[in-house]
N, C-alpha and C. Protein backbone atom coordinates (compact mmCIF):
# COMPACT_ATOMS: atom_id res chain seq x y z
N MET A 1 13.38 26.56 -4.67
CA MET A 1 13.02 25.16 -4.54
C MET A 1 11.50 25.02 -4.63
N THR A 2 11.04 24.11 -5.47
CA THR A 2 9.61 23.86 -5.63
C THR A 2 9.15 22.87 -4.57
N LEU A 3 8.08 23.24 -3.87
CA LEU A 3 7.52 22.35 -2.86
C LEU A 3 6.59 21.33 -3.52
N VAL A 4 6.54 20.14 -2.97
CA VAL A 4 5.65 19.10 -3.46
C VAL A 4 4.33 19.25 -2.71
N SER A 5 3.23 19.23 -3.45
CA SER A 5 1.91 19.40 -2.83
C SER A 5 1.57 18.17 -1.98
N GLU A 6 0.67 18.38 -1.03
CA GLU A 6 0.24 17.28 -0.18
C GLU A 6 -0.43 16.19 -1.01
N ASP A 7 -1.24 16.58 -2.00
CA ASP A 7 -1.88 15.59 -2.86
C ASP A 7 -0.85 14.73 -3.58
N ARG A 8 0.22 15.36 -4.03
CA ARG A 8 1.28 14.62 -4.73
C ARG A 8 2.01 13.68 -3.78
N LEU A 9 2.25 14.12 -2.55
CA LEU A 9 2.90 13.25 -1.56
C LEU A 9 2.03 12.03 -1.24
N VAL A 10 0.72 12.26 -1.10
CA VAL A 10 -0.20 11.14 -0.85
C VAL A 10 -0.15 10.17 -2.03
N ALA A 11 -0.19 10.69 -3.25
CA ALA A 11 -0.14 9.84 -4.44
C ALA A 11 1.16 9.05 -4.50
N MET A 12 2.26 9.68 -4.14
CA MET A 12 3.56 9.00 -4.14
C MET A 12 3.61 7.88 -3.10
N ALA A 13 3.06 8.13 -1.92
CA ALA A 13 3.05 7.11 -0.86
C ALA A 13 2.14 5.95 -1.25
N LEU A 14 0.98 6.25 -1.83
CA LEU A 14 0.08 5.19 -2.29
C LEU A 14 0.73 4.37 -3.39
N ASP A 15 1.43 5.03 -4.29
CA ASP A 15 2.13 4.34 -5.36
C ASP A 15 3.19 3.39 -4.80
N ALA A 16 3.88 3.82 -3.78
CA ALA A 16 4.89 2.96 -3.14
C ALA A 16 4.22 1.72 -2.55
N LEU A 17 3.04 1.89 -1.92
CA LEU A 17 2.34 0.74 -1.35
C LEU A 17 1.82 -0.18 -2.45
N GLU A 18 1.41 0.38 -3.58
CA GLU A 18 0.99 -0.46 -4.72
C GLU A 18 2.17 -1.32 -5.19
N GLN A 19 3.35 -0.74 -5.21
CA GLN A 19 4.54 -1.48 -5.62
C GLN A 19 4.85 -2.60 -4.63
N ILE A 20 4.70 -2.32 -3.35
CA ILE A 20 4.90 -3.34 -2.31
C ILE A 20 3.88 -4.46 -2.47
N LEU A 21 2.64 -4.11 -2.73
CA LEU A 21 1.60 -5.12 -2.93
C LEU A 21 1.95 -6.04 -4.11
N ALA A 22 2.40 -5.47 -5.21
CA ALA A 22 2.78 -6.29 -6.37
C ALA A 22 3.94 -7.22 -6.01
N LEU A 23 4.90 -6.72 -5.29
CA LEU A 23 6.04 -7.53 -4.87
C LEU A 23 5.60 -8.66 -3.95
N SER A 24 4.61 -8.41 -3.13
CA SER A 24 4.15 -9.40 -2.14
C SER A 24 3.51 -10.62 -2.78
N ALA A 25 3.10 -10.52 -4.05
CA ALA A 25 2.52 -11.67 -4.73
C ALA A 25 3.55 -12.77 -4.93
N GLU A 26 4.83 -12.42 -4.89
CA GLU A 26 5.90 -13.39 -5.13
C GLU A 26 6.73 -13.72 -3.89
N GLU A 27 6.84 -12.78 -2.97
CA GLU A 27 7.74 -13.00 -1.83
C GLU A 27 7.31 -12.19 -0.61
N CYS A 28 7.78 -12.65 0.55
CA CYS A 28 7.58 -11.86 1.77
C CYS A 28 8.29 -10.52 1.59
N VAL A 29 7.73 -9.51 2.19
CA VAL A 29 8.31 -8.18 2.09
C VAL A 29 8.83 -7.77 3.47
N SER A 30 10.07 -7.36 3.51
CA SER A 30 10.66 -6.93 4.78
C SER A 30 9.99 -5.66 5.27
N ARG A 31 9.83 -5.57 6.57
CA ARG A 31 9.28 -4.35 7.18
C ARG A 31 10.41 -3.32 7.25
N THR A 32 10.40 -2.40 6.31
CA THR A 32 11.46 -1.40 6.25
C THR A 32 10.98 -0.06 6.80
N ARG A 33 11.94 0.78 7.10
CA ARG A 33 11.62 2.13 7.55
C ARG A 33 10.86 2.90 6.46
N SER A 34 11.20 2.66 5.20
CA SER A 34 10.52 3.35 4.09
C SER A 34 9.02 3.03 4.07
N ILE A 35 8.69 1.76 4.25
CA ILE A 35 7.28 1.37 4.28
C ILE A 35 6.61 1.98 5.51
N ALA A 36 7.29 1.95 6.63
CA ALA A 36 6.74 2.53 7.86
C ALA A 36 6.45 4.01 7.69
N VAL A 37 7.35 4.73 7.03
CA VAL A 37 7.16 6.17 6.81
C VAL A 37 5.95 6.41 5.90
N CYS A 38 5.83 5.63 4.83
CA CYS A 38 4.66 5.77 3.95
C CYS A 38 3.36 5.56 4.72
N LEU A 39 3.31 4.48 5.48
CA LEU A 39 2.10 4.18 6.25
C LEU A 39 1.81 5.25 7.30
N ALA A 40 2.85 5.69 8.00
CA ALA A 40 2.67 6.72 9.04
C ALA A 40 2.20 8.04 8.42
N TYR A 41 2.79 8.41 7.30
CA TYR A 41 2.38 9.65 6.63
C TYR A 41 0.92 9.57 6.20
N LEU A 42 0.55 8.48 5.56
CA LEU A 42 -0.84 8.35 5.11
C LEU A 42 -1.81 8.29 6.29
N ALA A 43 -1.42 7.60 7.35
CA ALA A 43 -2.29 7.51 8.54
C ALA A 43 -2.46 8.86 9.22
N SER A 44 -1.51 9.75 9.02
CA SER A 44 -1.59 11.08 9.66
C SER A 44 -2.50 12.05 8.90
N ARG A 45 -3.05 11.63 7.80
CA ARG A 45 -3.85 12.50 6.93
C ARG A 45 -5.29 12.63 7.40
N ASP A 46 -5.55 12.67 8.67
CA ASP A 46 -6.91 12.89 9.18
C ASP A 46 -7.84 11.71 8.96
N THR A 47 -7.33 10.51 9.06
CA THR A 47 -8.17 9.33 8.87
C THR A 47 -8.87 8.97 10.17
N SER A 48 -10.00 8.29 10.05
CA SER A 48 -10.76 7.96 11.25
C SER A 48 -10.43 6.56 11.78
N GLU A 49 -9.91 5.69 10.94
CA GLU A 49 -9.59 4.34 11.38
C GLU A 49 -8.14 3.99 11.04
N ARG A 50 -7.47 3.35 11.99
CA ARG A 50 -6.06 2.97 11.78
C ARG A 50 -5.87 1.55 11.29
N TRP A 51 -6.93 0.72 11.40
CA TRP A 51 -6.75 -0.70 11.13
C TRP A 51 -6.10 -1.00 9.78
N PRO A 52 -6.45 -0.32 8.67
CA PRO A 52 -5.83 -0.73 7.41
C PRO A 52 -4.31 -0.51 7.39
N PHE A 53 -3.86 0.53 8.06
CA PHE A 53 -2.43 0.85 8.11
C PHE A 53 -1.69 -0.17 8.98
N ASP A 54 -2.25 -0.44 10.16
CA ASP A 54 -1.64 -1.41 11.07
C ASP A 54 -1.64 -2.81 10.47
N GLU A 55 -2.74 -3.20 9.84
CA GLU A 55 -2.86 -4.53 9.24
C GLU A 55 -1.93 -4.68 8.03
N PHE A 56 -1.78 -3.63 7.23
CA PHE A 56 -0.86 -3.70 6.10
C PHE A 56 0.54 -4.05 6.61
N TRP A 57 0.95 -3.38 7.66
CA TRP A 57 2.26 -3.63 8.28
C TRP A 57 2.35 -5.07 8.77
N LYS A 58 1.29 -5.54 9.39
CA LYS A 58 1.26 -6.88 9.98
C LYS A 58 1.42 -7.98 8.93
N TRP A 59 0.78 -7.82 7.78
CA TRP A 59 0.73 -8.90 6.78
C TRP A 59 1.94 -8.93 5.84
N LEU A 60 2.84 -7.98 5.92
CA LEU A 60 3.96 -7.91 4.98
C LEU A 60 4.79 -9.19 4.89
N ASP A 61 5.06 -9.83 6.02
CA ASP A 61 5.96 -10.98 6.00
C ASP A 61 5.27 -12.31 6.25
N CYS A 62 3.98 -12.38 5.98
CA CYS A 62 3.24 -13.65 6.10
C CYS A 62 3.84 -14.65 5.11
N ASP A 63 4.04 -15.88 5.54
CA ASP A 63 4.68 -16.89 4.71
C ASP A 63 3.82 -17.37 3.54
N ASP A 64 2.52 -17.36 3.69
CA ASP A 64 1.61 -17.83 2.63
C ASP A 64 1.34 -16.70 1.65
N LYS A 65 1.81 -16.85 0.40
CA LYS A 65 1.73 -15.73 -0.54
C LYS A 65 0.29 -15.36 -0.89
N LEU A 66 -0.63 -16.32 -0.94
CA LEU A 66 -2.03 -15.98 -1.24
C LEU A 66 -2.67 -15.22 -0.09
N VAL A 67 -2.42 -15.68 1.13
CA VAL A 67 -2.94 -14.99 2.31
C VAL A 67 -2.33 -13.60 2.42
N ARG A 68 -1.00 -13.54 2.22
CA ARG A 68 -0.29 -12.26 2.31
C ARG A 68 -0.82 -11.25 1.29
N SER A 69 -0.81 -11.62 0.02
CA SER A 69 -1.22 -10.65 -1.01
C SER A 69 -2.70 -10.32 -0.91
N GLY A 70 -3.53 -11.29 -0.54
CA GLY A 70 -4.96 -11.01 -0.37
C GLY A 70 -5.23 -10.03 0.75
N ASN A 71 -4.56 -10.23 1.87
CA ASN A 71 -4.75 -9.33 3.01
C ASN A 71 -4.14 -7.95 2.75
N LEU A 72 -2.99 -7.90 2.10
CA LEU A 72 -2.41 -6.59 1.78
C LEU A 72 -3.31 -5.82 0.81
N ASN A 73 -3.91 -6.53 -0.14
CA ASN A 73 -4.85 -5.88 -1.07
C ASN A 73 -6.06 -5.33 -0.32
N ARG A 74 -6.61 -6.13 0.60
CA ARG A 74 -7.75 -5.70 1.42
C ARG A 74 -7.37 -4.46 2.23
N CYS A 75 -6.20 -4.48 2.83
CA CYS A 75 -5.75 -3.34 3.63
C CYS A 75 -5.53 -2.11 2.76
N LEU A 76 -4.95 -2.30 1.59
CA LEU A 76 -4.72 -1.15 0.71
C LEU A 76 -6.03 -0.55 0.25
N ASN A 77 -7.03 -1.39 -0.01
CA ASN A 77 -8.36 -0.86 -0.32
C ASN A 77 -8.88 -0.02 0.84
N GLY A 78 -8.65 -0.49 2.07
CA GLY A 78 -9.07 0.26 3.24
C GLY A 78 -8.32 1.58 3.39
N ILE A 79 -7.06 1.59 3.04
CA ILE A 79 -6.25 2.82 3.10
C ILE A 79 -6.79 3.84 2.10
N TYR A 80 -7.05 3.40 0.88
CA TYR A 80 -7.64 4.30 -0.12
C TYR A 80 -8.96 4.86 0.40
N ALA A 81 -9.80 4.00 0.99
CA ALA A 81 -11.09 4.45 1.50
C ALA A 81 -10.92 5.48 2.62
N GLN A 82 -9.97 5.25 3.51
CA GLN A 82 -9.72 6.19 4.60
C GLN A 82 -9.29 7.55 4.08
N LEU A 83 -8.59 7.55 2.96
CA LEU A 83 -8.08 8.80 2.38
C LEU A 83 -9.06 9.42 1.38
N SER A 84 -10.19 8.74 1.17
CA SER A 84 -11.20 9.18 0.19
C SER A 84 -10.58 9.35 -1.20
N VAL A 85 -9.73 8.39 -1.55
CA VAL A 85 -9.10 8.36 -2.87
C VAL A 85 -9.63 7.13 -3.60
N ARG A 86 -10.04 7.32 -4.83
CA ARG A 86 -10.54 6.21 -5.64
C ARG A 86 -9.35 5.41 -6.18
N ARG A 87 -9.39 4.12 -5.95
CA ARG A 87 -8.32 3.23 -6.45
C ARG A 87 -8.73 2.73 -7.83
N THR A 88 -8.05 3.19 -8.84
CA THR A 88 -8.40 2.85 -10.21
C THR A 88 -7.68 1.58 -10.67
N ASN A 89 -8.14 1.02 -11.78
CA ASN A 89 -7.47 -0.15 -12.35
C ASN A 89 -6.03 0.17 -12.72
N ASN A 90 -5.80 1.38 -13.21
CA ASN A 90 -4.43 1.78 -13.55
C ASN A 90 -3.52 1.72 -12.33
N MET A 91 -4.04 2.15 -11.18
CA MET A 91 -3.26 2.08 -9.95
C MET A 91 -3.01 0.63 -9.54
N MET A 92 -4.07 -0.19 -9.61
CA MET A 92 -3.97 -1.57 -9.15
C MET A 92 -3.05 -2.42 -10.00
N PHE A 93 -2.99 -2.14 -11.29
CA PHE A 93 -2.23 -3.02 -12.18
C PHE A 93 -0.94 -2.39 -12.70
N LYS A 94 -0.57 -1.25 -12.17
CA LYS A 94 0.64 -0.56 -12.63
C LYS A 94 1.90 -1.42 -12.50
N TYR A 95 2.00 -2.17 -11.42
CA TYR A 95 3.22 -2.94 -11.16
C TYR A 95 3.04 -4.43 -11.40
N LYS A 96 1.90 -4.84 -11.91
CA LYS A 96 1.68 -6.25 -12.22
C LYS A 96 2.49 -6.62 -13.45
N THR A 97 3.07 -7.81 -13.39
CA THR A 97 3.78 -8.34 -14.55
C THR A 97 3.10 -9.65 -14.92
N PRO A 98 3.35 -10.20 -16.10
CA PRO A 98 2.76 -11.48 -16.46
C PRO A 98 3.08 -12.56 -15.44
N HIS A 99 4.23 -12.42 -14.78
CA HIS A 99 4.65 -13.42 -13.80
C HIS A 99 3.84 -13.35 -12.51
N ASN A 100 3.41 -12.14 -12.09
CA ASN A 100 2.68 -12.01 -10.82
C ASN A 100 1.25 -11.55 -11.02
N SER A 101 0.64 -11.79 -12.18
CA SER A 101 -0.71 -11.31 -12.42
C SER A 101 -1.78 -12.30 -12.03
N SER A 102 -1.43 -13.46 -11.54
CA SER A 102 -2.42 -14.46 -11.16
C SER A 102 -3.11 -14.12 -9.86
């Protein structure tokens, strides 16, 4: 059995959060165990501040889509910073569609 590297697991969890962020532009996102696991795993990676992880969780089901997606984007930027991972345009726009690109 091939083991998945820690870097790959971090990339997979960040990718999942990018997908959640794209979805949040259109609708509230349910707080699921899957999202909680991604956030908990990333927060366990030796980060110094928890606020972006906690705030990402908090803003998932905000009723105002502009407030929700804006705050989730801010939090995701903070998560990338905590992990010392550069958030590229390819990462940010991977899940954007013409319908949710505004």
